Amino acid sequence: MLSFFGGKDKSGGGAAGNARVSRHSSGWGQLLARMRNEESLRVLDIGPTSSTNINFITALGHSIYLANLVEDAAKREWMLAAEDGEAARFDVERFLAAHLNFSGRGFDVVLFLSLIHI
């Protein structure tokens, strides 16, 4: 039996052993159908800026807003100094206020593409 992260379960159960489990999601197909069938959607892309994504989405007639959260979160400016023996910590409130304030705009679609680069 496989554990959640793909390693072998120590219990030794299950005939599949190291069998790979196939997974399929229809989420992208459904989103693409919606984007092709509806007009003037507001799309928030929180991944790295991509001219391909921008061109594709705007060609469908939608507006796109960008918030590159992953790269910006890695900057040291968001760390609060350690106090009284505690470790330094990330300033979540200040980061979110700076990066997710869209002056009251709502979004129809939020993309989380290419957030993890290995």
PDB file of N, CA and C in Angstrom:
ATOM      1  N   MET A   1       0.848  -1.184   0.000  1.00  0.00           N
ATOM      2  CA  MET A   1       0.000   0.000   0.000  1.00  0.00           C
ATOM      3  C   MET A   1       0.891   1.244   0.000  1.00  0.00           C
ATOM      4  N   LEU A   2       0.490   2.271  -0.736  1.00  0.00           N
ATOM      5  CA  LEU A   2       1.261   3.501  -0.799  1.00  0.00           C
ATOM      6  C   LEU A   2       0.768   4.484   0.238  1.00  0.00           C
ATOM      7  N   SER A   3       1.695   5.207   0.824  1.00  0.00           N
ATOM      8  CA  SER A   3       1.295   6.250   1.758  1.00  0.00           C
ATOM      9  C   SER A   3       0.894   7.486   0.959  1.00  0.00           C
ATOM     10  N   PHE A   4       0.428   8.485   1.651  1.00  0.00           N
ATOM     11  CA  PHE A   4      -0.016   9.719   1.005  1.00  0.00           C
ATOM     12  C   PHE A   4       1.058  10.327   0.110  1.00  0.00           C
ATOM     13  N   PHE A   5       2.319  10.266   0.525  1.00  0.00           N
ATOM     14  CA  PHE A   5       3.396  10.884  -0.229  1.00  0.00           C
ATOM     15  C   PHE A   5       4.121   9.910  -1.147  1.00  0.00           C
ATOM     16  N   GLY A   6       3.557   8.730  -1.386  1.00  0.00           N
ATOM     17  CA  GLY A   6       4.104   7.830  -2.371  1.00  0.00           C
ATOM     18  C   GLY A   6       5.042   6.768  -1.856  1.00  0.00           C
ATOM     19  N   GLY A   7       5.452   6.820  -0.597  1.00  0.00           N
ATOM     20  CA  GLY A   7       6.328   5.795  -0.046  1.00  0.00           C
ATOM     21  C   GLY A   7       5.518   4.574   0.353  1.00  0.00           C
ATOM     22  N   LYS A   8       6.193   3.497   0.646  1.00  0.00           N
ATOM     23  CA  LYS A   8       5.490   2.288   1.064  1.00  0.00           C
ATOM     24  C   LYS A   8       4.948   2.447   2.469  1.00  0.00           C
ATOM     25  N   ASP A   9       3.730   1.943   2.664  1.00  0.00           N
ATOM     26  CA  ASP A   9       3.120   1.905   3.981  1.00  0.00           C
ATOM     27  C   ASP A   9       3.801   0.789   4.764  1.00  0.00           C
ATOM     28  N   LYS A  10       4.201   1.045   5.984  1.00  0.00           N
ATOM     29  CA  LYS A  10       4.916   0.068   6.807  1.00  0.00           C
ATOM     30  C   LYS A  10       4.052  -1.138   7.159  1.00  0.00           C
ATOM     31  N   SER A  11       2.716  -1.014   7.014  1.00  0.00           N
ATOM     32  CA  SER A  11       1.842  -2.124   7.391  1.00  0.00           C
ATOM     33  C   SER A  11       1.939  -3.281   6.414  1.00  0.00           C
ATOM     34  N   GLY A  12       2.444  -3.034   5.201  1.00  0.00           N
ATOM     35  CA  GLY A  12       2.638  -4.099   4.229  1.00  0.00           C
ATOM     36  C   GLY A  12       1.367  -4.551   3.557  1.00  0.00           C
ATOM     37  N   GLY A  13       0.253  -3.899   3.802  1.00  0.00           N
ATOM     38  CA  GLY A  13      -1.014  -4.312   3.212  1.00  0.00           C
ATOM     39  C   GLY A  13      -1.138  -3.914   1.760  1.00  0.00           C
ATOM     40  N   GLY A  14      -2.070  -4.553   1.071  1.00  0.00           N
ATOM     41  CA  GLY A  14      -2.385  -4.186  -0.304  1.00  0.00           C
ATOM     42  C   GLY A  14      -1.569  -4.954  -1.316  1.00  0.00           C
ATOM     43  N   ALA A  15      -2.257  -5.495  -2.342  1.00  0.00           N
ATOM     44  CA  ALA A  15      -1.587  -6.285  -3.367  1.00  0.00           C
ATOM     45  C   ALA A  15      -0.869  -5.414  -4.379  1.00  0.00           C
ATOM     46  N   ALA A  16      -1.255  -4.148  -4.485  1.00  0.00           N
ATOM     47  CA  ALA A  16      -0.693  -3.277  -5.521  1.00  0.00           C
ATOM     48  C   ALA A  16       0.778  -2.991  -5.286  1.00  0.00           C
ATOM     49  N   GLY A  17       1.227  -3.004  -4.047  1.00  0.00           N
ATOM     50  CA  GLY A  17       2.635  -2.743  -3.753  1.00  0.00           C
ATOM     51  C   GLY A  17       3.065  -1.386  -4.241  1.00  0.00           C
ATOM     52  N   ASN A  18       3.871  -1.362  -5.298  1.00  0.00           N
ATOM     53  CA  ASN A  18       4.382  -0.103  -5.836  1.00  0.00           C
ATOM     54  C   ASN A  18       3.596   0.391  -7.035  1.00  0.00           C
ATOM     55  N   ALA A  19       2.404  -0.092  -7.269  1.00  0.00           N
ATOM     56  CA  ALA A  19       1.607   0.311  -8.430  1.00  0.00           C
ATOM     57  C   ALA A  19       1.314   1.803  -8.378  1.00  0.00           C
ATOM     58  N   ARG A  20       1.457   2.440  -9.520  1.00  0.00           N
ATOM     59  CA  ARG A  20       1.191   3.868  -9.630  1.00  0.00           C
ATOM     60  C   ARG A  20      -0.309   4.086  -9.798  1.00  0.00           C
ATOM     61  N   VAL A  21      -0.855   5.029  -9.067  1.00  0.00           N
ATOM     62  CA  VAL A  21      -2.271   5.330  -9.139  1.00  0.00           C
ATOM     63  C   VAL A  21      -2.477   6.460 -10.137  1.00  0.00           C
ATOM     64  N   SER A  22      -3.292   6.214 -11.138  1.00  0.00           N
ATOM     65  CA  SER A  22      -3.569   7.221 -12.164  1.00  0.00           C
ATOM     66  C   SER A  22      -4.646   8.175 -11.662  1.00  0.00           C
ATOM     67  N   ARG A  23      -4.432   9.460 -11.864  1.00  0.00           N
ATOM     68  CA  ARG A  23      -5.414  10.465 -11.460  1.00  0.00           C
ATOM     69  C   ARG A  23      -5.697  11.379 -12.647  1.00  0.00           C
ATOM     70  N   HIS A  24      -6.935  11.801 -12.758  1.00  0.00           N
ATOM     71  CA  HIS A  24      -7.331  12.682 -13.844  1.00  0.00           C
ATOM     72  C   HIS A  24      -8.287  13.733 -13.296  1.00  0.00           C
ATOM     73  N   SER A  25      -8.071  14.960 -13.693  1.00  0.00           N
ATOM     74  CA  SER A  25      -8.948  16.043 -13.284  1.00  0.00           C
ATOM     75  C   SER A  25      -9.530  16.711 -14.519  1.00  0.00           C
ATOM     76  N   SER A  26     -10.801  16.998 -14.477  1.00  0.00           N
ATOM     77  CA  SER A  26     -11.440  17.689 -15.596  1.00  0.00           C
ATOM     78  C   SER A  26     -11.547  19.187 -15.327  1.00  0.00           C
ATOM     79  N   GLY A  27     -10.904  19.655 -14.255  1.00  0.00           N
ATOM     80  CA  GLY A  27     -11.006  21.066 -13.865  1.00  0.00           C
ATOM     81  C   GLY A  27     -10.565  22.039 -14.936  1.00  0.00           C
ATOM     82  N   TRP A  28      -9.407  21.780 -15.568  1.00  0.00           N
ATOM     83  CA  TRP A  28      -8.919  22.708 -16.598  1.00  0.00           C
ATOM     84  C   TRP A  28      -9.874  22.734 -17.782  1.00  0.00           C
ATOM     85  N   GLY A  29     -10.382  21.578 -18.200  1.00  0.00           N
ATOM     86  CA  GLY A  29     -11.325  21.521 -19.322  1.00  0.00           C
ATOM     87  C   GLY A  29     -12.590  22.309 -19.029  1.00  0.00           C
ATOM     88  N   GLN A  30     -13.092  22.183 -17.805  1.00  0.00           N
ATOM     89  CA  GLN A  30     -14.296  22.916 -17.417  1.00  0.00           C
ATOM     90  C   GLN A  30     -14.044  24.420 -17.376  1.00  0.00           C
ATOM     91  N   LEU A  31     -12.891  24.805 -16.845  1.00  0.00           N
ATOM     92  CA  LEU A  31     -12.553  26.224 -16.790  1.00  0.00           C
ATOM     93  C   LEU A  31     -12.387  26.792 -18.192  1.00  0.00           C
ATOM     94  N   LEU A  32     -11.700  26.070 -19.053  1.00  0.00           N
ATOM     95  CA  LEU A  32     -11.492  26.527 -20.421  1.00  0.00           C
ATOM     96  C   LEU A  32     -12.827  26.684 -21.154  1.00  0.00           C
ATOM     97  N   ALA A  33     -13.737  25.743 -20.960  1.00  0.00           N
ATOM     98  CA  ALA A  33     -15.063  25.852 -21.574  1.00  0.00           C
ATOM     99  C   ALA A  33     -15.784  27.105 -21.072  1.00  0.00           C
ATOM    100  N   ARG A  34     -15.695  27.361 -19.787  1.00  0.00           N
ATOM    101  CA  ARG A  34     -16.332  28.561 -19.224  1.00  0.00           C
ATOM    102  C   ARG A  34     -15.718  29.823 -19.820  1.00  0.00           C
ATOM    103  N   MET A  35     -14.380  29.841 -19.914  1.00  0.00           N
ATOM    104  CA  MET A  35     -13.707  31.034 -20.427  1.00  0.00           C
ATOM    105  C   MET A  35     -14.024  31.261 -21.908  1.00  0.00           C
ATOM    106  N   ARG A  36     -14.288  30.208 -22.646  1.00  0.00           N
ATOM    107  CA  ARG A  36     -14.641  30.345 -24.067  1.00  0.00           C
ATOM    108  C   ARG A  36     -16.102  30.728 -24.257  1.00  0.00           C
ATOM    109  N   ASN A  37     -16.957  30.404 -23.291  1.00  0.00           N
ATOM    110  CA  ASN A  37     -18.392  30.635 -23.431  1.00  0.00           C
ATOM    111  C   ASN A  37     -18.895  31.903 -22.751  1.00  0.00           C
ATOM    112  N   GLU A  38     -18.126  32.454 -21.821  1.00  0.00           N
ATOM    113  CA  GLU A  38     -18.558  33.660 -21.119  1.00  0.00           C
ATOM    114  C   GLU A  38     -17.692  34.842 -21.547  1.00  0.00           C
ATOM    115  N   GLU A  39     -18.245  36.020 -21.391  1.00  0.00           N
ATOM    116  CA  GLU A  39     -17.521  37.230 -21.783  1.00  0.00           C
ATOM    117  C   GLU A  39     -17.071  38.021 -20.565  1.00  0.00           C
ATOM    118  N   SER A  40     -15.972  38.725 -20.735  1.00  0.00           N
ATOM    119  CA  SER A  40     -15.477  39.706 -19.770  1.00  0.00           C
ATOM    120  C   SER A  40     -15.309  39.174 -18.348  1.00  0.00           C
ATOM    121  N   LEU A  41     -14.728  38.003 -18.209  1.00  0.00           N
ATOM    122  CA  LEU A  41     -14.420  37.488 -16.879  1.00  0.00           C
ATOM    123  C   LEU A  41     -13.217  38.223 -16.314  1.00  0.00           C
ATOM    124  N   ARG A  42     -13.173  38.350 -15.007  1.00  0.00           N
ATOM    125  CA  ARG A  42     -11.999  38.909 -14.328  1.00  0.00           C
ATOM    126  C   ARG A  42     -11.193  37.751 -13.772  1.00  0.00           C
ATOM    127  N   VAL A  43      -9.942  37.660 -14.204  1.00  0.00           N
ATOM    128  CA  VAL A  43      -9.076  36.548 -13.832  1.00  0.00           C
ATOM    129  C   VAL A  43      -7.932  37.066 -12.977  1.00  0.00           C
ATOM    130  N   LEU A  44      -7.703  36.420 -11.845  1.00  0.00           N
ATOM    131  CA  LEU A  44      -6.564  36.730 -10.989  1.00  0.00           C
ATOM    132  C   LEU A  44      -5.576  35.585 -11.117  1.00  0.00           C
ATOM    133  N   ASP A  45      -4.360  35.884 -11.544  1.00  0.00           N
ATOM    134  CA  ASP A  45      -3.302  34.882 -11.679  1.00  0.00           C
ATOM    135  C   ASP A  45      -2.277  35.158 -10.596  1.00  0.00           C
ATOM    136  N   ILE A  46      -2.174  34.251  -9.626  1.00  0.00           N
ATOM    137  CA  ILE A  46      -1.249  34.494  -8.521  1.00  0.00           C
ATOM    138  C   ILE A  46       0.098  33.805  -8.706  1.00  0.00           C
ATOM    139  N   GLY A  47       0.314  33.232  -9.869  1.00  0.00           N
ATOM    140  CA  GLY A  47       1.600  32.594 -10.158  1.00  0.00           C
ATOM    141  C   GLY A  47       2.562  33.584 -10.784  1.00  0.00           C
ATOM    142  N   PRO A  48       3.700  33.086 -11.242  1.00  0.00           N
ATOM    143  CA  PRO A  48       4.674  33.949 -11.907  1.00  0.00           C
ATOM    144  C   PRO A  48       4.073  34.580 -13.160  1.00  0.00           C
ATOM    145  N   THR A  49       4.460  35.804 -13.455  1.00  0.00           N
ATOM    146  CA  THR A  49       3.951  36.493 -14.636  1.00  0.00           C
ATOM    147  C   THR A  49       4.354  35.727 -15.885  1.00  0.00           C
ATOM    148  N   SER A  50       3.377  35.499 -16.750  1.00  0.00           N
ATOM    149  CA  SER A  50       3.622  34.763 -17.982  1.00  0.00           C
ATOM    150  C   SER A  50       2.945  35.479 -19.137  1.00  0.00           C
ATOM    151  N   SER A  51       3.735  35.889 -20.125  1.00  0.00           N
ATOM    152  CA  SER A  51       3.151  36.554 -21.291  1.00  0.00           C
ATOM    153  C   SER A  51       2.221  35.600 -22.030  1.00  0.00           C
ATOM    154  N   THR A  52       2.509  34.308 -21.987  1.00  0.00           N
ATOM    155  CA  THR A  52       1.639  33.323 -22.628  1.00  0.00           C
ATOM    156  C   THR A  52       0.258  33.333 -21.983  1.00  0.00           C
ATOM    157  N   ASN A  53       0.219  33.314 -20.646  1.00  0.00           N
ATOM    158  CA  ASN A  53      -1.068  33.350 -19.941  1.00  0.00           C
ATOM    159  C   ASN A  53      -1.803  34.655 -20.220  1.00  0.00           C
ATOM    160  N   ILE A  54      -1.082  35.761 -20.151  1.00  0.00           N
ATOM    161  CA  ILE A  54      -1.697  37.071 -20.385  1.00  0.00           C
ATOM    162  C   ILE A  54      -2.297  37.134 -21.782  1.00  0.00           C
ATOM    163  N   ASN A  55      -1.528  36.755 -22.792  1.00  0.00           N
ATOM    164  CA  ASN A  55      -2.006  36.808 -24.177  1.00  0.00           C
ATOM    165  C   ASN A  55      -3.193  35.873 -24.399  1.00  0.00           C
ATOM    166  N   PHE A  56      -3.132  34.678 -23.849  1.00  0.00           N
ATOM    167  CA  PHE A  56      -4.212  33.702 -24.025  1.00  0.00           C
ATOM    168  C   PHE A  56      -5.511  34.220 -23.413  1.00  0.00           C
ATOM    169  N   ILE A  57      -5.430  34.693 -22.187  1.00  0.00           N
ATOM    170  CA  ILE A  57      -6.632  35.133 -21.475  1.00  0.00           C
ATOM    171  C   ILE A  57      -7.219  36.400 -22.087  1.00  0.00           C
ATOM    172  N   THR A  58      -6.375  37.356 -22.430  1.00  0.00           N
ATOM    173  CA  THR A  58      -6.892  38.589 -23.035  1.00  0.00           C
ATOM    174  C   THR A  58      -7.434  38.333 -24.443  1.00  0.00           C
ATOM    175  N   ALA A  59      -6.874  37.362 -25.165  1.00  0.00           N
ATOM    176  CA  ALA A  59      -7.390  37.020 -26.497  1.00  0.00           C
ATOM    177  C   ALA A  59      -8.806  36.441 -26.407  1.00  0.00           C
ATOM    178  N   LEU A  60      -9.139  35.848 -25.268  1.00  0.00           N
ATOM    179  CA  LEU A  60     -10.491  35.329 -25.056  1.00  0.00           C
ATOM    180  C   LEU A  60     -11.459  36.435 -24.624  1.00  0.00           C
ATOM    181  N   GLY A  61     -10.941  37.651 -24.437  1.00  0.00           N
ATOM    182  CA  GLY A  61     -11.787  38.785 -24.086  1.00  0.00           C
ATOM    183  C   GLY A  61     -11.924  39.040 -22.594  1.00  0.00           C
ATOM    184  N   HIS A  62     -11.024  38.492 -21.803  1.00  0.00           N
ATOM    185  CA  HIS A  62     -11.101  38.654 -20.362  1.00  0.00           C
ATOM    186  C   HIS A  62      -9.995  39.584 -19.867  1.00  0.00           C
ATOM    187  N   SER A  63     -10.183  40.124 -18.678  1.00  0.00           N
ATOM    188  CA  SER A  63      -9.131  40.938 -18.069  1.00  0.00           C
ATOM    189  C   SER A  63      -8.366  40.065 -17.075  1.00  0.00           C
ATOM    190  N   ILE A  64      -7.084  40.364 -16.935  1.00  0.00           N
ATOM    191  CA  ILE A  64      -6.251  39.570 -16.037  1.00  0.00           C
ATOM    192  C   ILE A  64      -5.506  40.487 -15.081  1.00  0.00           C
ATOM    193  N   TYR A  65      -5.459  40.096 -13.831  1.00  0.00           N
ATOM    194  CA  TYR A  65      -4.736  40.817 -12.789  1.00  0.00           C
ATOM    195  C   TYR A  65      -3.672  39.865 -12.262  1.00  0.00           C
ATOM    196  N   LEU A  66      -2.503  40.390 -12.008  1.00  0.00           N
ATOM    197  CA  LEU A  66      -1.373  39.556 -11.612  1.00  0.00           C
ATOM    198  C   LEU A  66      -0.941  39.848 -10.180  1.00  0.00           C
ATOM    199  N   ALA A  67      -0.623  38.794  -9.448  1.00  0.00           N
ATOM    200  CA  ALA A  67      -0.100  38.912  -8.095  1.00  0.00           C
ATOM    201  C   ALA A  67       0.879  37.762  -7.907  1.00  0.00           C
ATOM    202  N   ASN A  68       2.142  38.015  -8.146  1.00  0.00           N
ATOM    203  CA  ASN A  68       3.162  36.970  -8.073  1.00  0.00           C
ATOM    204  C   ASN A  68       3.520  36.703  -6.611  1.00  0.00           C
ATOM    205  N   LEU A  69       2.663  35.975  -5.938  1.00  0.00           N
ATOM    206  CA  LEU A  69       2.804  35.779  -4.497  1.00  0.00           C
ATOM    207  C   LEU A  69       4.021  34.956  -4.106  1.00  0.00           C
ATOM    208  N   VAL A  70       4.342  33.932  -4.866  1.00  0.00           N
ATOM    209  CA  VAL A  70       5.417  33.029  -4.467  1.00  0.00           C
ATOM    210  C   VAL A  70       6.765  33.735  -4.463  1.00  0.00           C
ATOM    211  N   GLU A  71       7.116  34.397  -5.548  1.00  0.00           N
ATOM    212  CA  GLU A  71       8.413  35.096  -5.600  1.00  0.00           C
ATOM    213  C   GLU A  71       8.469  36.222  -4.589  1.00  0.00           C
ATOM    214  N   ASP A  72       7.384  36.979  -4.466  1.00  0.00           N
ATOM    215  CA  ASP A  72       7.377  38.095  -3.530  1.00  0.00           C
ATOM    216  C   ASP A  72       7.444  37.627  -2.077  1.00  0.00           C
ATOM    217  N   ALA A  73       6.826  36.500  -1.777  1.00  0.00           N
ATOM    218  CA  ALA A  73       6.843  35.989  -0.398  1.00  0.00           C
ATOM    219  C   ALA A  73       8.238  35.546   0.021  1.00  0.00           C
ATOM    220  N   ALA A  74       9.080  35.221  -0.934  1.00  0.00           N
ATOM    221  CA  ALA A  74      10.434  34.749  -0.617  1.00  0.00           C
ATOM    222  C   ALA A  74      11.382  35.892  -0.225  1.00  0.00           C
ATOM    223  N   LYS A  75      10.947  37.126  -0.397  1.00  0.00           N
ATOM    224  CA  LYS A  75      11.802  38.271  -0.068  1.00  0.00           C
ATOM    225  C   LYS A  75      11.890  38.464   1.444  1.00  0.00           C
ATOM    226  N   ARG A  76      13.065  38.814   1.903  1.00  0.00           N
ATOM    227  CA  ARG A  76      13.305  38.982   3.345  1.00  0.00           C
ATOM    228  C   ARG A  76      12.534  40.150   3.955  1.00  0.00           C
ATOM    229  N   GLU A  77      12.080  41.076   3.147  1.00  0.00           N
ATOM    230  CA  GLU A  77      11.384  42.250   3.681  1.00  0.00           C
ATOM    231  C   GLU A  77      10.096  41.898   4.424  1.00  0.00           C
ATOM    232  N   TRP A  78       9.579  40.696   4.255  1.00  0.00           N
ATOM    233  CA  TRP A  78       8.336  40.304   4.906  1.00  0.00           C
ATOM    234  C   TRP A  78       8.570  39.594   6.241  1.00  0.00           C
ATOM    235  N   MET A  79       9.816  39.459   6.628  1.00  0.00           N
ATOM    236  CA  MET A  79      10.123  38.786   7.883  1.00  0.00           C
ATOM    237  C   MET A  79      10.141  39.795   9.032  1.00  0.00           C
ATOM    238  N   LEU A  80       9.518  39.426  10.118  1.00  0.00           N
ATOM    239  CA  LEU A  80       9.542  40.239  11.334  1.00  0.00           C
ATOM    240  C   LEU A  80      10.713  39.765  12.184  1.00  0.00           C
ATOM    241  N   ALA A  81      11.383  40.683  12.817  1.00  0.00           N
ATOM    242  CA  ALA A  81      12.543  40.353  13.646  1.00  0.00           C
ATOM    243  C   ALA A  81      12.134  39.450  14.810  1.00  0.00           C
ATOM    244  N   ALA A  82      13.056  38.601  15.186  1.00  0.00           N
ATOM    245  CA  ALA A  82      12.827  37.718  16.332  1.00  0.00           C
ATOM    246  C   ALA A  82      12.742  38.547  17.604  1.00  0.00           C
ATOM    247  N   GLU A  83      11.870  38.130  18.520  1.00  0.00           N
ATOM    248  CA  GLU A  83      11.709  38.826  19.799  1.00  0.00           C
ATOM    249  C   GLU A  83      11.693  37.831  20.946  1.00  0.00           C
ATOM    250  N   ASP A  84      12.329  38.181  22.040  1.00  0.00           N
ATOM    251  CA  ASP A  84      12.289  37.401  23.285  1.00  0.00           C
ATOM    252  C   ASP A  84      12.490  35.902  23.074  1.00  0.00           C
ATOM    253  N   GLY A  85      13.537  35.536  22.347  1.00  0.00           N
ATOM    254  CA  GLY A  85      13.866  34.131  22.157  1.00  0.00           C
ATOM    255  C   GLY A  85      13.033  33.400  21.118  1.00  0.00           C
ATOM    256  N   GLU A  86      12.078  34.074  20.503  1.00  0.00           N
ATOM    257  CA  GLU A  86      11.271  33.441  19.458  1.00  0.00           C
ATOM    258  C   GLU A  86      11.971  33.603  18.113  1.00  0.00           C
ATOM    259  N   ALA A  87      11.664  32.724  17.210  1.00  0.00           N
ATOM    260  CA  ALA A  87      12.236  32.804  15.859  1.00  0.00           C
ATOM    261  C   ALA A  87      11.579  33.937  15.081  1.00  0.00           C
ATOM    262  N   ALA A  88      12.287  34.442  14.085  1.00  0.00           N
ATOM    263  CA  ALA A  88      11.703  35.434  13.185  1.00  0.00           C
ATOM    264  C   ALA A  88      10.486  34.805  12.512  1.00  0.00           C
ATOM    265  N   ARG A  89       9.508  35.622  12.172  1.00  0.00           N
ATOM    266  CA  ARG A  89       8.308  35.076  11.537  1.00  0.00           C
ATOM    267  C   ARG A  89       7.858  35.945  10.373  1.00  0.00           C
ATOM    268  N   PHE A  90       7.070  35.351   9.518  1.00  0.00           N
ATOM    269  CA  PHE A  90       6.574  36.003   8.313  1.00  0.00           C
ATOM    270  C   PHE A  90       5.439  36.951   8.680  1.00  0.00           C
ATOM    271  N   ASP A  91       5.462  38.177   8.145  1.00  0.00           N
ATOM    272  CA  ASP A  91       4.428  39.170   8.418  1.00  0.00           C
ATOM    273  C   ASP A  91       3.254  38.965   7.451  1.00  0.00           C
ATOM    274  N   VAL A  92       2.389  38.038   7.786  1.00  0.00           N
ATOM    275  CA  VAL A  92       1.275  37.645   6.915  1.00  0.00           C
ATOM    276  C   VAL A  92       0.341  38.818   6.642  1.00  0.00           C
ATOM    277  N   GLU A  93      -0.055  39.534   7.670  1.00  0.00           N
ATOM    278  CA  GLU A  93      -1.014  40.631   7.500  1.00  0.00           C
ATOM    279  C   GLU A  93      -0.483  41.705   6.552  1.00  0.00           C
ATOM    280  N   ARG A  94       0.743  42.124   6.739  1.00  0.00           N
ATOM    281  CA  ARG A  94       1.319  43.166   5.876  1.00  0.00           C
ATOM    282  C   ARG A  94       1.480  42.657   4.445  1.00  0.00           C
ATOM    283  N   PHE A  95       1.911  41.401   4.293  1.00  0.00           N
ATOM    284  CA  PHE A  95       2.086  40.818   2.964  1.00  0.00           C
ATOM    285  C   PHE A  95       0.757  40.764   2.207  1.00  0.00           C
ATOM    286  N   LEU A  96      -0.284  40.251   2.849  1.00  0.00           N
ATOM    287  CA  LEU A  96      -1.585  40.146   2.190  1.00  0.00           C
ATOM    288  C   LEU A  96      -2.174  41.517   1.874  1.00  0.00           C
ATOM    289  N   ALA A  97      -1.996  42.478   2.767  1.00  0.00           N
ATOM    290  CA  ALA A  97      -2.493  43.827   2.508  1.00  0.00           C
ATOM    291  C   ALA A  97      -1.795  44.444   1.298  1.00  0.00           C
ATOM    292  N   ALA A  98      -0.509  44.167   1.144  1.00  0.00           N
ATOM    293  CA  ALA A  98       0.254  44.724   0.032  1.00  0.00           C
ATOM    294  C   ALA A  98      -0.029  44.017  -1.290  1.00  0.00           C
ATOM    295  N   HIS A  99      -0.336  42.723  -1.240  1.00  0.00           N
ATOM    296  CA  HIS A  99      -0.430  41.950  -2.482  1.00  0.00           C
ATOM    297  C   HIS A  99      -1.834  41.547  -2.902  1.00  0.00           C
ATOM    298  N   LEU A 100      -2.771  41.553  -1.989  1.00  0.00           N
ATOM    299  CA  LEU A 100      -4.117  41.116  -2.355  1.00  0.00           C
ATOM    300  C   LEU A 100      -5.165  42.202  -2.146  1.00  0.00           C
ATOM    301  N   ASN A 101      -4.758  43.452  -2.253  1.00  0.00           N
ATOM    302  CA  ASN A 101      -5.690  44.567  -2.165  1.00  0.00           C
ATOM    303  C   ASN A 101      -5.981  45.031  -3.584  1.00  0.00           C
ATOM    304  N   PHE A 102      -7.153  44.689  -4.082  1.00  0.00           N
ATOM    305  CA  PHE A 102      -7.515  45.049  -5.452  1.00  0.00           C
ATOM    306  C   PHE A 102      -8.636  46.082  -5.473  1.00  0.00           C
ATOM    307  N   SER A 103      -8.649  46.943  -4.481  1.00  0.00           N
ATOM    308  CA  SER A 103      -9.596  48.067  -4.401  1.00  0.00           C
ATOM    309  C   SER A 103     -11.040  47.627  -4.599  1.00  0.00           C
ATOM    310  N   GLY A 104     -11.424  46.564  -3.949  1.00  0.00           N
ATOM    311  CA  GLY A 104     -12.812  46.118  -3.997  1.00  0.00           C
ATOM    312  C   GLY A 104     -13.186  45.279  -5.203  1.00  0.00           C
ATOM    313  N   ARG A 105     -12.259  45.033  -6.115  1.00  0.00           N
ATOM    314  CA  ARG A 105     -12.566  44.210  -7.281  1.00  0.00           C
ATOM    315  C   ARG A 105     -12.795  42.767  -6.835  1.00  0.00           C
ATOM    316  N   GLY A 106     -13.735  42.119  -7.498  1.00  0.00           N
ATOM    317  CA  GLY A 106     -13.962  40.691  -7.308  1.00  0.00           C
ATOM    318  C   GLY A 106     -13.440  39.956  -8.533  1.00  0.00           C
ATOM    319  N   PHE A 107     -13.235  38.667  -8.406  1.00  0.00           N
ATOM    320  CA  PHE A 107     -12.707  37.881  -9.518  1.00  0.00           C
ATOM    321  C   PHE A 107     -13.605  36.687  -9.782  1.00  0.00           C
ATOM    322  N   ASP A 108     -13.730  36.358 -11.053  1.00  0.00           N
ATOM    323  CA  ASP A 108     -14.522  35.209 -11.473  1.00  0.00           C
ATOM    324  C   ASP A 108     -13.686  33.935 -11.484  1.00  0.00           C
ATOM    325  N   VAL A 109     -12.384  34.097 -11.714  1.00  0.00           N
ATOM    326  CA  VAL A 109     -11.471  32.965 -11.825  1.00  0.00           C
ATOM    327  C   VAL A 109     -10.172  33.326 -11.112  1.00  0.00           C
ATOM    328  N   VAL A 110      -9.633  32.387 -10.350  1.00  0.00           N
ATOM    329  CA  VAL A 110      -8.312  32.565  -9.738  1.00  0.00           C
ATOM    330  C   VAL A 110      -7.447  31.396 -10.204  1.00  0.00           C
ATOM    331  N   LEU A 111      -6.316  31.731 -10.823  1.00  0.00           N
ATOM    332  CA  LEU A 111      -5.385  30.706 -11.320  1.00  0.00           C
ATOM    333  C   LEU A 111      -4.238  30.538 -10.346  1.00  0.00           C
ATOM    334  N   PHE A 112      -3.865  29.293 -10.100  1.00  0.00           N
ATOM    335  CA  PHE A 112      -2.727  28.943  -9.259  1.00  0.00           C
ATOM    336  C   PHE A 112      -1.736  28.129 -10.096  1.00  0.00           C
ATOM    337  N   LEU A 113      -1.473  28.577 -11.303  1.00  0.00           N
ATOM    338  CA  LEU A 113      -0.606  27.830 -12.203  1.00  0.00           C
ATOM    339  C   LEU A 113       0.851  28.096 -11.923  1.00  0.00           C
ATOM    340  N   SER A 114       1.677  27.095 -12.069  1.00  0.00           N
ATOM    341  CA  SER A 114       3.127  27.217 -11.963  1.00  0.00           C
ATOM    342  C   SER A 114       3.587  27.838 -10.661  1.00  0.00           C
ATOM    343  N   LEU A 115       2.968  27.475  -9.570  1.00  0.00           N
ATOM    344  CA  LEU A 115       3.384  28.028  -8.287  1.00  0.00           C
ATOM    345  C   LEU A 115       4.570  27.299  -7.697  1.00  0.00           C
ATOM    346  N   ILE A 116       4.739  26.044  -8.052  1.00  0.00           N
ATOM    347  CA  ILE A 116       5.831  25.266  -7.494  1.00  0.00           C
ATOM    348  C   ILE A 116       6.832  24.987  -8.588  1.00  0.00           C
ATOM    349  N   HIS A 117       8.059  25.458  -8.398  1.00  0.00           N
ATOM    350  CA  HIS A 117       9.150  25.203  -9.345  1.00  0.00           C
ATOM    351  C   HIS A 117      10.163  24.324  -8.646  1.00  0.00           C
ATOM    352  N   ILE A 118      10.383  23.164  -9.210  1.00  0.00           N
ATOM    353  CA  ILE A 118      11.329  22.214  -8.596  1.00  0.00           C
ATOM    354  C   ILE A 118      12.606  22.206  -9.392  1.00  0.00           C
TER     355      ILE A 118
END
